[in-house]
Amino acid sequence: MNNTTRPTLKLPDPYCDYNGCLTEATHTDGEWVMCPHHEETAYRTSTYWRPITRWIPVPGPDWPYYLAEY
């Protein structure tokens, strides 16, 4: 059985980082998240983009946030 923990990225919303795009992000490099139309070429071409496998909504005392598991 594999018990490794996947990395997560804490975000204020699940949307692509490209200029106000409101499409749900599908890939992350651990810093930026991108939808299928704004992936790697949008910011940097040398990073390794991994697929986001799950969005985890986390309620907070003031504002909810999301964890992107990748």
PDB file of N, CA and C in Angstrom:
ATOM      1  N   MET A   1       0.840  -1.176   0.000  1.00  0.00           N
ATOM      2  CA  MET A   1       0.000   0.000   0.000  1.00  0.00           C
ATOM      3  C   MET A   1       0.890   1.245   0.000  1.00  0.00           C
ATOM      4  N   ASN A   2       0.543   2.246  -0.789  1.00  0.00           N
ATOM      5  CA  ASN A   2       1.324   3.460  -0.910  1.00  0.00           C
ATOM      6  C   ASN A   2       0.704   4.543  -0.030  1.00  0.00           C
ATOM      7  N   ASN A   3       1.428   4.986   0.985  1.00  0.00           N
ATOM      8  CA  ASN A   3       0.909   5.988   1.908  1.00  0.00           C
ATOM      9  C   ASN A   3       1.578   7.350   1.735  1.00  0.00           C
ATOM     10  N   THR A   4       2.138   7.608   0.569  1.00  0.00           N
ATOM     11  CA  THR A   4       2.792   8.891   0.361  1.00  0.00           C
ATOM     12  C   THR A   4       1.756  10.002   0.273  1.00  0.00           C
ATOM     13  N   THR A   5       2.108  11.141   0.832  1.00  0.00           N
ATOM     14  CA  THR A   5       1.229  12.302   0.798  1.00  0.00           C
ATOM     15  C   THR A   5       1.559  13.125  -0.441  1.00  0.00           C
ATOM     16  N   ARG A   6       0.536  13.467  -1.195  1.00  0.00           N
ATOM     17  CA  ARG A   6       0.753  14.292  -2.378  1.00  0.00           C
ATOM     18  C   ARG A   6       0.925  15.744  -1.948  1.00  0.00           C
ATOM     19  N   PRO A   7       1.720  16.512  -2.689  1.00  0.00           N
ATOM     20  CA  PRO A   7       1.884  17.925  -2.346  1.00  0.00           C
ATOM     21  C   PRO A   7       0.591  18.695  -2.577  1.00  0.00           C
ATOM     22  N   THR A   8       0.416  19.757  -1.818  1.00  0.00           N
ATOM     23  CA  THR A   8      -0.759  20.613  -1.972  1.00  0.00           C
ATOM     24  C   THR A   8      -0.326  22.065  -2.089  1.00  0.00           C
ATOM     25  N   LEU A   9      -1.188  22.863  -2.665  1.00  0.00           N
ATOM     26  CA  LEU A   9      -0.967  24.291  -2.811  1.00  0.00           C
ATOM     27  C   LEU A   9      -2.213  24.995  -2.286  1.00  0.00           C
ATOM     28  N   LYS A  10      -2.049  25.895  -1.310  1.00  0.00           N
ATOM     29  CA  LYS A  10      -3.166  26.625  -0.708  1.00  0.00           C
ATOM     30  C   LYS A  10      -3.503  27.836  -1.569  1.00  0.00           C
ATOM     31  N   LEU A  11      -4.764  27.932  -1.975  1.00  0.00           N
ATOM     32  CA  LEU A  11      -5.197  28.996  -2.883  1.00  0.00           C
ATOM     33  C   LEU A  11      -6.496  29.635  -2.409  1.00  0.00           C
ATOM     34  N   PRO A  12      -6.723  30.900  -2.732  1.00  0.00           N
ATOM     35  CA  PRO A  12      -7.977  31.553  -2.353  1.00  0.00           C
ATOM     36  C   PRO A  12      -9.168  31.092  -3.194  1.00  0.00           C
ATOM     37  N   ASP A  13      -8.909  30.534  -4.371  1.00  0.00           N
ATOM     38  CA  ASP A  13      -9.978  30.037  -5.244  1.00  0.00           C
ATOM     39  C   ASP A  13      -9.364  29.001  -6.193  1.00  0.00           C
ATOM     40  N   PRO A  14     -10.196  28.221  -6.873  1.00  0.00           N
ATOM     41  CA  PRO A  14      -9.667  27.160  -7.738  1.00  0.00           C
ATOM     42  C   PRO A  14      -9.436  27.572  -9.191  1.00  0.00           C
ATOM     43  N   TYR A  15      -9.325  28.867  -9.456  1.00  0.00           N
ATOM     44  CA  TYR A  15      -9.264  29.327 -10.838  1.00  0.00           C
ATOM     45  C   TYR A  15      -7.847  29.512 -11.352  1.00  0.00           C
ATOM     46  N   CYS A  16      -7.715  29.442 -12.645  1.00  0.00           N
ATOM     47  CA  CYS A  16      -6.467  29.676 -13.364  1.00  0.00           C
ATOM     48  C   CYS A  16      -5.883  31.041 -12.986  1.00  0.00           C
ATOM     49  N   ASP A  17      -4.555  31.116 -12.876  1.00  0.00           N
ATOM     50  CA  ASP A  17      -3.876  32.368 -12.521  1.00  0.00           C
ATOM     51  C   ASP A  17      -3.703  33.331 -13.695  1.00  0.00           C
ATOM     52  N   TYR A  18      -4.110  32.962 -14.879  1.00  0.00           N
ATOM     53  CA  TYR A  18      -3.836  33.790 -16.051  1.00  0.00           C
ATOM     54  C   TYR A  18      -4.823  34.954 -16.178  1.00  0.00           C
ATOM     55  N   ASN A  19      -4.378  36.152 -15.855  1.00  0.00           N
ATOM     56  CA  ASN A  19      -5.120  37.401 -16.103  1.00  0.00           C
ATOM     57  C   ASN A  19      -6.619  37.345 -15.859  1.00  0.00           C
ATOM     58  N   GLY A  20      -7.028  36.917 -14.678  1.00  0.00           N
ATOM     59  CA  GLY A  20      -8.442  36.911 -14.333  1.00  0.00           C
ATOM     60  C   GLY A  20      -9.256  35.811 -14.977  1.00  0.00           C
ATOM     61  N   CYS A  21      -8.616  34.810 -15.531  1.00  0.00           N
ATOM     62  CA  CYS A  21      -9.341  33.678 -16.116  1.00  0.00           C
ATOM     63  C   CYS A  21     -10.171  32.994 -15.032  1.00  0.00           C
ATOM     64  N   LEU A  22     -11.405  32.658 -15.322  1.00  0.00           N
ATOM     65  CA  LEU A  22     -12.283  32.028 -14.338  1.00  0.00           C
ATOM     66  C   LEU A  22     -12.511  30.551 -14.612  1.00  0.00           C
ATOM     67  N   THR A  23     -11.625  29.946 -15.414  1.00  0.00           N
ATOM     68  CA  THR A  23     -11.698  28.512 -15.671  1.00  0.00           C
ATOM     69  C   THR A  23     -10.956  27.785 -14.559  1.00  0.00           C
ATOM     70  N   GLU A  24     -11.510  26.662 -14.100  1.00  0.00           N
ATOM     71  CA  GLU A  24     -10.847  25.908 -13.031  1.00  0.00           C
ATOM     72  C   GLU A  24      -9.474  25.434 -13.492  1.00  0.00           C
ATOM     73  N   ALA A  25      -8.487  25.635 -12.655  1.00  0.00           N
ATOM     74  CA  ALA A  25      -7.116  25.218 -12.980  1.00  0.00           C
ATOM     75  C   ALA A  25      -7.010  23.702 -12.985  1.00  0.00           C
ATOM     76  N   THR A  26      -6.184  23.175 -13.873  1.00  0.00           N
ATOM     77  CA  THR A  26      -5.987  21.728 -13.975  1.00  0.00           C
ATOM     78  C   THR A  26      -4.546  21.309 -13.785  1.00  0.00           C
ATOM     79  N   HIS A  27      -3.595  22.266 -13.825  1.00  0.00           N
ATOM     80  CA  HIS A  27      -2.169  21.965 -13.685  1.00  0.00           C
ATOM     81  C   HIS A  27      -1.516  22.966 -12.741  1.00  0.00           C
ATOM     82  N   THR A  28      -0.504  22.530 -12.012  1.00  0.00           N
ATOM     83  CA  THR A  28       0.275  23.421 -11.165  1.00  0.00           C
ATOM     84  C   THR A  28       1.746  23.069 -11.254  1.00  0.00           C
ATOM     85  N   ASP A  29       2.590  24.092 -11.042  1.00  0.00           N
ATOM     86  CA  ASP A  29       4.023  23.828 -10.906  1.00  0.00           C
ATOM     87  C   ASP A  29       4.443  24.022  -9.452  1.00  0.00           C
ATOM     88  N   GLY A  30       3.462  24.092  -8.542  1.00  0.00           N
ATOM     89  CA  GLY A  30       3.733  24.310  -7.131  1.00  0.00           C
ATOM     90  C   GLY A  30       3.710  25.779  -6.750  1.00  0.00           C
ATOM     91  N   GLU A  31       3.509  26.644  -7.729  1.00  0.00           N
ATOM     92  CA  GLU A  31       3.424  28.082  -7.466  1.00  0.00           C
ATOM     93  C   GLU A  31       2.280  28.703  -8.265  1.00  0.00           C
ATOM     94  N   TRP A  32       2.267  28.457  -9.565  1.00  0.00           N
ATOM     95  CA  TRP A  32       1.191  28.937 -10.432  1.00  0.00           C
ATOM     96  C   TRP A  32       0.253  27.782 -10.743  1.00  0.00           C
ATOM     97  N   VAL A  33      -1.002  28.107 -10.987  1.00  0.00           N
ATOM     98  CA  VAL A  33      -1.952  27.101 -11.465  1.00  0.00           C
ATOM     99  C   VAL A  33      -2.530  27.578 -12.792  1.00  0.00           C
ATOM    100  N   MET A  34      -2.762  26.652 -13.699  1.00  0.00           N
ATOM    101  CA  MET A  34      -3.232  27.003 -15.036  1.00  0.00           C
ATOM    102  C   MET A  34      -4.362  26.083 -15.485  1.00  0.00           C
ATOM    103  N   CYS A  35      -5.251  26.615 -16.313  1.00  0.00           N
ATOM    104  CA  CYS A  35      -6.284  25.811 -16.953  1.00  0.00           C
ATOM    105  C   CYS A  35      -5.681  25.192 -18.224  1.00  0.00           C
ATOM    106  N   PRO A  36      -6.425  24.341 -18.932  1.00  0.00           N
ATOM    107  CA  PRO A  36      -5.874  23.690 -20.128  1.00  0.00           C
ATOM    108  C   PRO A  36      -5.428  24.666 -21.219  1.00  0.00           C
ATOM    109  N   HIS A  37      -6.022  25.866 -21.278  1.00  0.00           N
ATOM    110  CA  HIS A  37      -5.692  26.816 -22.342  1.00  0.00           C
ATOM    111  C   HIS A  37      -4.520  27.728 -21.989  1.00  0.00           C
ATOM    112  N   HIS A  38      -4.146  27.791 -20.706  1.00  0.00           N
ATOM    113  CA  HIS A  38      -3.092  28.712 -20.273  1.00  0.00           C
ATOM    114  C   HIS A  38      -1.980  27.994 -19.514  1.00  0.00           C
ATOM    115  N   GLU A  39      -1.635  26.806 -19.942  1.00  0.00           N
ATOM    116  CA  GLU A  39      -0.634  26.030 -19.223  1.00  0.00           C
ATOM    117  C   GLU A  39       0.762  26.608 -19.364  1.00  0.00           C
ATOM    118  N   GLU A  40       1.724  25.788 -19.455  1.00  0.00           N
ATOM    119  CA  GLU A  40       3.135  26.117 -19.327  1.00  0.00           C
ATOM    120  C   GLU A  40       3.603  27.351 -20.092  1.00  0.00           C
ATOM    121  N   THR A  41       3.154  27.560 -21.302  1.00  0.00           N
ATOM    122  CA  THR A  41       3.681  28.668 -22.109  1.00  0.00           C
ATOM    123  C   THR A  41       3.246  30.043 -21.606  1.00  0.00           C
ATOM    124  N   ALA A  42       2.280  30.107 -20.721  1.00  0.00           N
ATOM    125  CA  ALA A  42       1.777  31.400 -20.276  1.00  0.00           C
ATOM    126  C   ALA A  42       2.804  32.194 -19.470  1.00  0.00           C
ATOM    127  N   TYR A  43       3.574  31.543 -18.620  1.00  0.00           N
ATOM    128  CA  TYR A  43       4.530  32.263 -17.783  1.00  0.00           C
ATOM    129  C   TYR A  43       5.969  31.825 -18.009  1.00  0.00           C
ATOM    130  N   ARG A  44       6.253  30.529 -17.814  1.00  0.00           N
ATOM    131  CA  ARG A  44       7.621  30.033 -17.929  1.00  0.00           C
ATOM    132  C   ARG A  44       7.585  28.734 -18.720  1.00  0.00           C
ATOM    133  N   THR A  45       8.652  28.453 -19.424  1.00  0.00           N
ATOM    134  CA  THR A  45       8.676  27.233 -20.223  1.00  0.00           C
ATOM    135  C   THR A  45       9.593  26.165 -19.646  1.00  0.00           C
ATOM    136  N   SER A  46      10.307  26.474 -18.562  1.00  0.00           N
ATOM    137  CA  SER A  46      11.261  25.505 -18.030  1.00  0.00           C
ATOM    138  C   SER A  46      10.748  24.762 -16.799  1.00  0.00           C
ATOM    139  N   THR A  47       9.541  25.065 -16.350  1.00  0.00           N
ATOM    140  CA  THR A  47       9.014  24.417 -15.150  1.00  0.00           C
ATOM    141  C   THR A  47       8.290  23.119 -15.498  1.00  0.00           C
ATOM    142  N   TYR A  48       8.098  22.307 -14.507  1.00  0.00           N
ATOM    143  CA  TYR A  48       7.420  21.029 -14.702  1.00  0.00           C
ATOM    144  C   TYR A  48       6.004  21.125 -14.150  1.00  0.00           C
ATOM    145  N   TRP A  49       5.038  21.094 -15.013  1.00  0.00           N
ATOM    146  CA  TRP A  49       3.646  21.233 -14.603  1.00  0.00           C
ATOM    147  C   TRP A  49       3.040  19.866 -14.327  1.00  0.00           C
ATOM    148  N   ARG A  50       2.437  19.721 -13.168  1.00  0.00           N
ATOM    149  CA  ARG A  50       1.815  18.446 -12.796  1.00  0.00           C
ATOM    150  C   ARG A  50       0.306  18.610 -12.758  1.00  0.00           C
ATOM    151  N   PRO A  51      -0.446  17.573 -13.125  1.00  0.00           N
ATOM    152  CA  PRO A  51      -1.904  17.677 -13.087  1.00  0.00           C
ATOM    153  C   PRO A  51      -2.417  17.783 -11.655  1.00  0.00           C
ATOM    154  N   ILE A  52      -3.412  18.626 -11.468  1.00  0.00           N
ATOM    155  CA  ILE A  52      -4.098  18.708 -10.183  1.00  0.00           C
ATOM    156  C   ILE A  52      -5.046  17.519 -10.097  1.00  0.00           C
ATOM    157  N   THR A  53      -4.899  16.728  -9.053  1.00  0.00           N
ATOM    158  CA  THR A  53      -5.708  15.513  -8.940  1.00  0.00           C
ATOM    159  C   THR A  53      -6.977  15.729  -8.134  1.00  0.00           C
ATOM    160  N   ARG A  54      -6.986  16.773  -7.287  1.00  0.00           N
ATOM    161  CA  ARG A  54      -8.168  16.985  -6.452  1.00  0.00           C
ATOM    162  C   ARG A  54      -8.151  18.395  -5.891  1.00  0.00           C
ATOM    163  N   TRP A  55      -9.336  19.018  -5.828  1.00  0.00           N
ATOM    164  CA  TRP A  55      -9.529  20.294  -5.143  1.00  0.00           C
ATOM    165  C   TRP A  55     -10.191  20.004  -3.809  1.00  0.00           C
ATOM    166  N   ILE A  56      -9.625  20.543  -2.733  1.00  0.00           N
ATOM    167  CA  ILE A  56     -10.178  20.316  -1.402  1.00  0.00           C
ATOM    168  C   ILE A  56     -10.623  21.660  -0.839  1.00  0.00           C
ATOM    169  N   PRO A  57     -11.937  21.922  -0.743  1.00  0.00           N
ATOM    170  CA  PRO A  57     -12.384  23.176  -0.124  1.00  0.00           C
ATOM    171  C   PRO A  57     -12.201  23.087   1.393  1.00  0.00           C
ATOM    172  N   VAL A  58     -11.643  24.138   1.982  1.00  0.00           N
ATOM    173  CA  VAL A  58     -11.384  24.154   3.418  1.00  0.00           C
ATOM    174  C   VAL A  58     -12.088  25.371   4.018  1.00  0.00           C
ATOM    175  N   PRO A  59     -13.098  25.156   4.852  1.00  0.00           N
ATOM    176  CA  PRO A  59     -13.767  26.302   5.467  1.00  0.00           C
ATOM    177  C   PRO A  59     -12.820  26.993   6.455  1.00  0.00           C
ATOM    178  N   GLY A  60     -12.918  28.291   6.526  1.00  0.00           N
ATOM    179  CA  GLY A  60     -12.079  29.049   7.447  1.00  0.00           C
ATOM    180  C   GLY A  60     -12.919  29.964   8.310  1.00  0.00           C
ATOM    181  N   PRO A  61     -12.326  30.545   9.338  1.00  0.00           N
ATOM    182  CA  PRO A  61     -13.097  31.418  10.230  1.00  0.00           C
ATOM    183  C   PRO A  61     -13.553  32.701   9.537  1.00  0.00           C
ATOM    184  N   ASP A  62     -12.748  33.223   8.621  1.00  0.00           N
ATOM    185  CA  ASP A  62     -13.108  34.454   7.923  1.00  0.00           C
ATOM    186  C   ASP A  62     -13.441  34.213   6.461  1.00  0.00           C
ATOM    187  N   TRP A  63     -12.659  33.341   5.818  1.00  0.00           N
ATOM    188  CA  TRP A  63     -12.823  33.127   4.383  1.00  0.00           C
ATOM    189  C   TRP A  63     -12.384  31.714   4.049  1.00  0.00           C
ATOM    190  N   PRO A  64     -13.124  30.976   3.251  1.00  0.00           N
ATOM    191  CA  PRO A  64     -12.680  29.631   2.882  1.00  0.00           C
ATOM    192  C   PRO A  64     -11.503  29.688   1.915  1.00  0.00           C
ATOM    193  N   TYR A  65     -10.749  28.622   1.837  1.00  0.00           N
ATOM    194  CA  TYR A  65      -9.681  28.534   0.859  1.00  0.00           C
ATOM    195  C   TYR A  65      -9.695  27.134   0.256  1.00  0.00           C
ATOM    196  N   TYR A  66      -8.862  26.907  -0.717  1.00  0.00           N
ATOM    197  CA  TYR A  66      -8.800  25.627  -1.427  1.00  0.00           C
ATOM    198  C   TYR A  66      -7.398  25.075  -1.373  1.00  0.00           C
ATOM    199  N   LEU A  67      -7.313  23.748  -1.309  1.00  0.00           N
ATOM    200  CA  LEU A  67      -6.044  23.075  -1.470  1.00  0.00           C
ATOM    201  C   LEU A  67      -6.070  22.366  -2.820  1.00  0.00           C
ATOM    202  N   ALA A  68      -5.085  22.648  -3.651  1.00  0.00           N
ATOM    203  CA  ALA A  68      -4.932  21.928  -4.913  1.00  0.00           C
ATOM    204  C   ALA A  68      -3.949  20.789  -4.649  1.00  0.00           C
ATOM    205  N   GLU A  69      -4.429  19.564  -4.735  1.00  0.00           N
ATOM    206  CA  GLU A  69      -3.552  18.413  -4.546  1.00  0.00           C
ATOM    207  C   GLU A  69      -3.017  18.000  -5.909  1.00  0.00           C
ATOM    208  N   TYR A  70      -1.708  17.823  -6.002  1.00  0.00           N
ATOM    209  CA  TYR A  70      -1.112  17.500  -7.304  1.00  0.00           C
ATOM    210  C   TYR A  70      -0.002  16.488  -7.171  1.00  0.00           C
TER     211      TYR A  70
END
